[in-house]
Amino acid sequence: MFLLGEYREARALFRQVQLEPDVPWQVRDNIDGFVQRIDNIVGYVKFSVTLVSDTNPRNITREREFTIGGVRLTFVPPEDNEQVTGLRYGVRAYQPLVRERGLSAYFTGTYLDYPTEELDRLTLDAGLVKELGGDAGPKLRAGIEAGTFGGQRLYRFPYLGYLQPLSYSPVQTLQVELKLGPVTFPHYEYLDAKYVSVTVSALRTMSQTVAALFTASAEDSRAREEPYSYYGLTLTPGVAWLMTKPALLLKTELAFGERRYGAPDPLFGDTRVDKRVRLDLSVRSKQWRWMNFSPSVVLSLEETDSSITFYSYKKTNVSLAIE
C-alpha cells in the first residue's frame, strides 16, 4: 500500500503493528522510517508532555552586591526564583498545501506551566515552507515566532529562512541554514533589533551504534540601542550511542558559546562579554512504548560567565518527556 501511494491506509496498518506488545524494537524502528516518510507526504499532528525541573527559572546570579554609578547596592532576587517543577505541553504540526509545488505549512507550540503564573512561558512558531528541489533539496521558509513570559508578551520575530543541504547520504548529512528578521520586544523597545544567524550542522555515522554530531552557529543582533547589540558564536560537538541490551539511545552534547556586546552597559559602565557552557545528556528508551509514545530523560547543566557579574548564572534542568 505504501508503494502504491495509499499512504493513509498504510500508516494506519503500520501503527497497528507498532502497537502489538511483542513486536521487537528493531521492527518498530524500521516502521518509524516509513511512517516519517508518510507524515512528510500527507501531514501530521504530534503531541508531547514533559515534566520539567529548573533550579534557576529566572537565570539570576548568585551575587548580591553590585556597584551602579558609584553606589554600592544590594540586589534582592524575586522570591519565586527557587527550584521549580512544572509541565511543558508541546504540539508539532505539518500540512502540505500544494504538494506538486512543494508548498507546506508548519506549526510548533510549547507551553511551560509552573505552579506560579509569573514563570509560565508560551512559545509559538508558524509559517510556510517551499521545497526548491524535492525532499532532500533546498527549502525556503517564511514564518513568525513569538513568546510570552508570566502571561505578558515577551517578543515577536517574523523571519525568513533558507536551508541548503550540502551533503546527504545514508552515512552522513551536512547542511547550512540562514535565518533573519526583525525582533521586537513590546515592553522593552530598546532591545528591538535586526537579527541574523547562520547554522551549520553535520551528522556522521561512525558504526552501526555510534554517530558523531556537530553544530556551529554564528549570530548578529543590531539593537536599537548599541549597548544591547551583540554578535556571537556557538560550537556544539556531540555523540549518539545506541545500546542494544537494554535498548537505549544515549546522546550527549557540549556547547561552547560567546557573545560580545557593542558598547558599555548603561548601568554598569563595562562592555559585556558572556561565555556560556552547556552540557546536555539524554537517554531514550527504544524498547518501552505506551500508545506509540516513548519516554526520554534529559539532564542539562548550564553556566554563563559574564564580564559583568550581574549577568552570570548557573542552572540545572532535569526533564522527563513522553513524545
Foldseek 3Di string as FASTA:
>chain_A
DVVVVPLVVVLVVLLVLVPPQPDFLVSNVVSVVSNVVSCVQAKDKDKKKKKKKKAFLPLFFPDFWDAWPNDIGGHDDDPPRGIWIWMKIKMKIKGADPRVQQKIKIKIKIWTDTPALQAIKIKIKIWMKTAPDPPQAKIKTWIKIWMDGSPHTAKIWTKIKIKGWPDDDPFKTKIKMKMWTWMAGPVCRQFTWTKIKMKIKMWGHPDPFKIKIKMKMWMWIGGNDQLNTKIKIKIKIKMWGADVVVGKIKIKIKMWMKIWGGAADNTRRHTKIKIKIKIKIKIWGSNDADSNWTKMKIKMWMWIDMPRSRSTGTMIMIMIMTD
